[in-house]
Amino acid sequence: MSRYLRITLTAIYGVIGLLTLPVPFLSFMLFDAPGSTTSILTILLFIFVALFPILCSVSAIAINLKDLPFRKAFLGLPIVDAVLALFILLAIDAFCGGSLVC
């Protein structure tokens, strides 16, 4: 991987990680509705939303570690997390009618 691509990806993941840092603090509001703490889909959505800034930071750091043999695998972690969160949102819409209590 070229040096400029590493710098660009580090900057992108770093900025996205910083911009989404307040989101996990707001995601506690997913559990405002009575009964939402027992919904597995709501809990999974909370976990994926809370992990996104952490995975962006880990990816930004891991891409620059030359001793890490599988550092390219870290590039896809935030993307996989976002896709899974979107999938959970679609599942909540399909199975629960858009309600976080299911």
N, C-alpha and C. Protein backbone atom coordinates (compact mmCIF):
# COMPACT_ATOMS: atom_id res chain seq x y z
N MET A 1 0.85 -1.16 0.00
CA MET A 1 0.00 0.00 0.00
C MET A 1 0.90 1.23 0.00
N SER A 2 0.57 2.18 -0.85
CA SER A 2 1.44 3.35 -0.98
C SER A 2 1.31 4.27 0.24
N ARG A 3 2.30 5.09 0.39
CA ARG A 3 2.35 6.00 1.53
C ARG A 3 1.21 7.01 1.48
N TYR A 4 0.91 7.54 0.30
CA TYR A 4 -0.14 8.54 0.17
C TYR A 4 -1.52 7.95 0.44
N LEU A 5 -1.73 6.72 0.05
CA LEU A 5 -3.00 6.07 0.33
C LEU A 5 -3.17 5.84 1.82
N ARG A 6 -2.09 5.44 2.51
CA ARG A 6 -2.15 5.28 3.96
C ARG A 6 -2.46 6.59 4.66
N ILE A 7 -1.84 7.67 4.22
CA ILE A 7 -2.08 8.98 4.83
C ILE A 7 -3.52 9.41 4.59
N THR A 8 -4.01 9.21 3.38
CA THR A 8 -5.38 9.60 3.04
C THR A 8 -6.39 8.79 3.85
N LEU A 9 -6.21 7.48 3.91
CA LEU A 9 -7.14 6.64 4.67
C LEU A 9 -7.08 6.94 6.16
N THR A 10 -5.89 7.23 6.67
CA THR A 10 -5.77 7.60 8.08
C THR A 10 -6.53 8.89 8.36
N ALA A 11 -6.39 9.86 7.47
CA ALA A 11 -7.10 11.13 7.65
C ALA A 11 -8.61 10.93 7.56
N ILE A 12 -9.06 10.14 6.61
CA ILE A 12 -10.51 9.92 6.44
C ILE A 12 -11.08 9.21 7.66
N TYR A 13 -10.44 8.12 8.08
CA TYR A 13 -10.95 7.38 9.24
C TYR A 13 -10.82 8.21 10.52
N GLY A 14 -9.77 9.00 10.63
CA GLY A 14 -9.62 9.85 11.80
C GLY A 14 -10.70 10.91 11.89
N VAL A 15 -11.00 11.56 10.77
CA VAL A 15 -12.04 12.60 10.76
C VAL A 15 -13.41 11.98 11.02
N ILE A 16 -13.70 10.86 10.38
CA ILE A 16 -15.00 10.20 10.60
C ILE A 16 -15.12 9.75 12.06
N GLY A 17 -14.04 9.23 12.61
CA GLY A 17 -14.06 8.81 14.02
C GLY A 17 -14.31 9.98 14.96
N LEU A 18 -13.68 11.13 14.68
CA LEU A 18 -13.90 12.30 15.52
C LEU A 18 -15.30 12.87 15.36
N LEU A 19 -15.81 12.88 14.14
CA LEU A 19 -17.14 13.43 13.90
C LEU A 19 -18.25 12.57 14.50
N THR A 20 -18.02 11.28 14.57
CA THR A 20 -19.05 10.38 15.12
C THR A 20 -18.83 10.08 16.59
N LEU A 21 -17.88 10.74 17.22
CA LEU A 21 -17.61 10.49 18.64
C LEU A 21 -18.80 10.80 19.55
N PRO A 22 -19.59 11.85 19.32
CA PRO A 22 -20.74 12.10 20.20
C PRO A 22 -21.91 11.13 20.01
N VAL A 23 -21.94 10.41 18.92
CA VAL A 23 -23.08 9.54 18.61
C VAL A 23 -23.30 8.45 19.66
N PRO A 24 -22.27 7.76 20.16
CA PRO A 24 -22.54 6.74 21.19
C PRO A 24 -23.15 7.31 22.46
N PHE A 25 -22.82 8.56 22.78
CA PHE A 25 -23.40 9.16 23.98
C PHE A 25 -24.89 9.43 23.79
N LEU A 26 -25.29 9.69 22.57
CA LEU A 26 -26.70 9.93 22.29
C LEU A 26 -27.46 8.63 22.06
N SER A 27 -26.75 7.55 21.79
CA SER A 27 -27.44 6.30 21.49
C SER A 27 -28.07 5.65 22.72
N PHE A 28 -27.78 6.16 23.91
CA PHE A 28 -28.45 5.65 25.11
C PHE A 28 -29.95 5.95 25.06
N MET A 29 -30.31 6.93 24.26
CA MET A 29 -31.73 7.29 24.13
C MET A 29 -32.53 6.24 23.37
N LEU A 30 -31.87 5.27 22.80
CA LEU A 30 -32.59 4.16 22.18
C LEU A 30 -33.40 3.37 23.21
N PHE A 31 -32.98 3.46 24.45
CA PHE A 31 -33.63 2.67 25.51
C PHE A 31 -34.64 3.48 26.32
N ASP A 32 -35.13 4.60 25.77
CA ASP A 32 -36.13 5.42 26.47
C ASP A 32 -37.48 4.74 26.57
N ALA A 33 -37.88 4.02 25.55
CA ALA A 33 -39.20 3.40 25.54
C ALA A 33 -39.23 2.22 26.51
N PRO A 34 -40.34 2.06 27.24
CA PRO A 34 -40.44 0.90 28.14
C PRO A 34 -40.41 -0.41 27.34
N GLY A 35 -39.59 -1.32 27.77
CA GLY A 35 -39.48 -2.60 27.11
C GLY A 35 -38.39 -2.67 26.04
N SER A 36 -37.78 -1.54 25.73
CA SER A 36 -36.75 -1.57 24.68
C SER A 36 -35.45 -2.19 25.17
N THR A 37 -35.28 -2.29 26.48
CA THR A 37 -34.05 -2.91 27.00
C THR A 37 -34.05 -4.42 26.81
N THR A 38 -35.19 -4.99 26.50
CA THR A 38 -35.25 -6.44 26.29
C THR A 38 -35.24 -6.81 24.81
N SER A 39 -35.28 -5.83 23.94
CA SER A 39 -35.28 -6.10 22.49
C SER A 39 -33.86 -6.34 22.00
N ILE A 40 -33.61 -7.51 21.46
CA ILE A 40 -32.27 -7.86 20.99
C ILE A 40 -31.84 -6.98 19.81
N LEU A 41 -32.78 -6.57 18.98
CA LEU A 41 -32.42 -5.71 17.85
C LEU A 41 -31.98 -4.33 18.32
N THR A 42 -32.63 -3.80 19.34
CA THR A 42 -32.23 -2.50 19.89
C THR A 42 -30.87 -2.58 20.55
N ILE A 43 -30.62 -3.66 21.25
CA ILE A 43 -29.32 -3.84 21.90
C ILE A 43 -28.21 -3.97 20.85
N LEU A 44 -28.47 -4.73 19.79
CA LEU A 44 -27.47 -4.87 18.72
C LEU A 44 -27.22 -3.54 18.02
N LEU A 45 -28.27 -2.76 17.78
CA LEU A 45 -28.10 -1.44 17.17
C LEU A 45 -27.26 -0.55 18.06
N PHE A 46 -27.50 -0.58 19.35
CA PHE A 46 -26.70 0.20 20.29
C PHE A 46 -25.23 -0.21 20.23
N ILE A 47 -24.97 -1.50 20.20
CA ILE A 47 -23.58 -1.99 20.17
C ILE A 47 -22.88 -1.54 18.90
N PHE A 48 -23.55 -1.68 17.75
CA PHE A 48 -22.92 -1.29 16.49
C PHE A 48 -22.69 0.21 16.40
N VAL A 49 -23.62 1.00 16.93
CA VAL A 49 -23.45 2.45 16.91
C VAL A 49 -22.34 2.87 17.87
N ALA A 50 -22.26 2.23 19.02
CA ALA A 50 -21.24 2.58 20.00
C ALA A 50 -19.84 2.17 19.54
N LEU A 51 -19.74 1.12 18.76
CA LEU A 51 -18.42 0.64 18.31
C LEU A 51 -17.87 1.40 17.11
N PHE A 52 -18.72 2.12 16.39
CA PHE A 52 -18.26 2.73 15.14
C PHE A 52 -17.09 3.69 15.32
N PRO A 53 -17.13 4.68 16.23
CA PRO A 53 -15.96 5.56 16.37
C PRO A 53 -14.71 4.83 16.84
N ILE A 54 -14.90 3.81 17.67
CA ILE A 54 -13.75 3.04 18.15
C ILE A 54 -13.11 2.29 16.99
N LEU A 55 -13.93 1.68 16.14
CA LEU A 55 -13.39 0.95 15.00
C LEU A 55 -12.72 1.88 13.99
N CYS A 56 -13.25 3.09 13.83
CA CYS A 56 -12.59 4.06 12.96
C CYS A 56 -11.21 4.42 13.49
N SER A 57 -11.12 4.62 14.80
CA SER A 57 -9.83 4.96 15.41
C SER A 57 -8.84 3.80 15.31
N VAL A 58 -9.32 2.59 15.56
CA VAL A 58 -8.46 1.41 15.46
C VAL A 58 -7.97 1.23 14.03
N SER A 59 -8.85 1.46 13.06
CA SER A 59 -8.45 1.32 11.66
C SER A 59 -7.43 2.38 11.27
N ALA A 60 -7.61 3.61 11.76
CA ALA A 60 -6.66 4.68 11.45
C ALA A 60 -5.28 4.40 12.04
N ILE A 61 -5.25 3.79 13.21
CA ILE A 61 -3.96 3.47 13.83
C ILE A 61 -3.35 2.22 13.20
N ALA A 62 -4.15 1.20 12.98
CA ALA A 62 -3.62 -0.09 12.50
C ALA A 62 -3.09 0.00 11.08
N ILE A 63 -3.61 0.91 10.28
CA ILE A 63 -3.15 1.00 8.90
C ILE A 63 -1.70 1.49 8.82
N ASN A 64 -1.22 2.15 9.86
CA ASN A 64 0.14 2.68 9.86
C ASN A 64 1.14 1.78 10.58
N LEU A 65 0.69 0.68 11.14
CA LEU A 65 1.60 -0.25 11.81
C LEU A 65 2.17 -1.22 10.79
N LYS A 66 3.43 -1.14 10.56
CA LYS A 66 4.05 -1.98 9.53
C LYS A 66 4.30 -3.40 10.00
N ASP A 67 4.36 -3.61 11.32
CA ASP A 67 4.62 -4.95 11.85
C ASP A 67 3.38 -5.82 11.88
N LEU A 68 2.22 -5.22 11.67
CA LEU A 68 0.96 -5.95 11.73
C LEU A 68 0.70 -6.63 10.39
N PRO A 69 0.74 -7.96 10.33
CA PRO A 69 0.64 -8.64 9.03
C PRO A 69 -0.75 -8.54 8.39
N PHE A 70 -1.79 -8.35 9.18
CA PHE A 70 -3.14 -8.33 8.63
C PHE A 70 -3.77 -6.94 8.80
N ARG A 71 -2.98 -5.89 8.62
CA ARG A 71 -3.48 -4.53 8.84
C ARG A 71 -4.52 -4.11 7.81
N LYS A 72 -4.49 -4.71 6.64
CA LYS A 72 -5.49 -4.37 5.63
C LYS A 72 -6.89 -4.85 6.03
N ALA A 73 -6.95 -5.85 6.89
CA ALA A 73 -8.25 -6.33 7.35
C ALA A 73 -8.94 -5.30 8.23
N PHE A 74 -8.16 -4.46 8.89
CA PHE A 74 -8.74 -3.42 9.73
C PHE A 74 -9.43 -2.32 8.92
N LEU A 75 -9.11 -2.21 7.66
CA LEU A 75 -9.74 -1.19 6.82
C LEU A 75 -11.23 -1.41 6.67
N GLY A 76 -11.66 -2.64 6.66
CA GLY A 76 -13.06 -2.94 6.43
C GLY A 76 -13.92 -2.96 7.68
N LEU A 77 -13.32 -2.88 8.86
CA LEU A 77 -14.09 -2.97 10.09
C LEU A 77 -15.16 -1.89 10.22
N PRO A 78 -14.86 -0.60 10.01
CA PRO A 78 -15.92 0.39 10.12
C PRO A 78 -17.00 0.23 9.05
N ILE A 79 -16.61 -0.22 7.88
CA ILE A 79 -17.59 -0.41 6.81
C ILE A 79 -18.53 -1.56 7.15
N VAL A 80 -17.97 -2.66 7.66
CA VAL A 80 -18.79 -3.80 8.07
C VAL A 80 -19.72 -3.39 9.22
N ASP A 81 -19.22 -2.59 10.15
CA ASP A 81 -20.03 -2.13 11.27
C ASP A 81 -21.19 -1.27 10.78
N ALA A 82 -20.94 -0.36 9.85
CA ALA A 82 -22.00 0.50 9.33
C ALA A 82 -23.04 -0.31 8.55
N VAL A 83 -22.59 -1.30 7.80
CA VAL A 83 -23.52 -2.13 7.04
C VAL A 83 -24.39 -2.96 7.99
N LEU A 84 -23.79 -3.49 9.04
CA LEU A 84 -24.56 -4.27 10.01
C LEU A 84 -25.56 -3.38 10.76
N ALA A 85 -25.17 -2.15 11.09
CA ALA A 85 -26.10 -1.24 11.74
C ALA A 85 -27.27 -0.91 10.82
N LEU A 86 -26.99 -0.72 9.54
CA LEU A 86 -28.06 -0.48 8.57
C LEU A 86 -28.97 -1.69 8.45
N PHE A 87 -28.38 -2.88 8.46
CA PHE A 87 -29.17 -4.11 8.40
C PHE A 87 -30.08 -4.24 9.63
N ILE A 88 -29.56 -3.88 10.80
CA ILE A 88 -30.36 -3.93 12.02
C ILE A 88 -31.49 -2.91 11.96
N LEU A 89 -31.22 -1.73 11.43
CA LEU A 89 -32.28 -0.73 11.27
C LEU A 89 -33.38 -1.23 10.34
N LEU A 90 -32.99 -1.88 9.26
CA LEU A 90 -33.97 -2.44 8.34
C LEU A 90 -34.76 -3.58 8.99
N ALA A 91 -34.09 -4.37 9.82
CA ALA A 91 -34.78 -5.45 10.53
C ALA A 91 -35.76 -4.89 11.55
N ILE A 92 -35.38 -3.81 12.22
CA ILE A 92 -36.31 -3.17 13.16
C ILE A 92 -37.52 -2.64 12.42
N ASP A 93 -37.29 -2.07 11.26
CA ASP A 93 -38.41 -1.55 10.47
C ASP A 93 -39.30 -2.68 9.97
N ALA A 94 -38.71 -3.78 9.55
CA ALA A 94 -39.50 -4.89 8.98
C ALA A 94 -40.22 -5.71 10.05
N PHE A 95 -39.52 -6.07 11.13
CA PHE A 95 -40.10 -6.97 12.11
C PHE A 95 -40.87 -6.26 13.22
N CYS A 96 -40.48 -5.04 13.53
CA CYS A 96 -41.09 -4.34 14.67
C CYS A 96 -41.93 -3.14 14.23
N GLY A 97 -42.05 -2.90 12.95
CA GLY A 97 -42.82 -1.76 12.48
C GLY A 97 -42.16 -0.43 12.76
N GLY A 98 -40.84 -0.41 12.90
CA GLY A 98 -40.12 0.82 13.17
C GLY A 98 -40.03 1.17 14.64
N SER A 99 -40.65 0.41 15.49
CA SER A 99 -40.62 0.65 16.93
C SER A 99 -39.41 -0.07 17.54
N LEU A 100 -38.77 0.57 18.49
CA LEU A 100 -37.61 -0.05 19.13
C LEU A 100 -38.03 -1.07 20.18
N VAL A 101 -39.30 -1.16 20.46
CA VAL A 101 -39.82 -2.17 21.38
C VAL A 101 -40.42 -3.30 20.54
N CYS A 102 -39.87 -4.48 20.69
CA CYS A 102 -40.28 -5.57 19.83
C CYS A 102 -40.49 -6.83 20.64
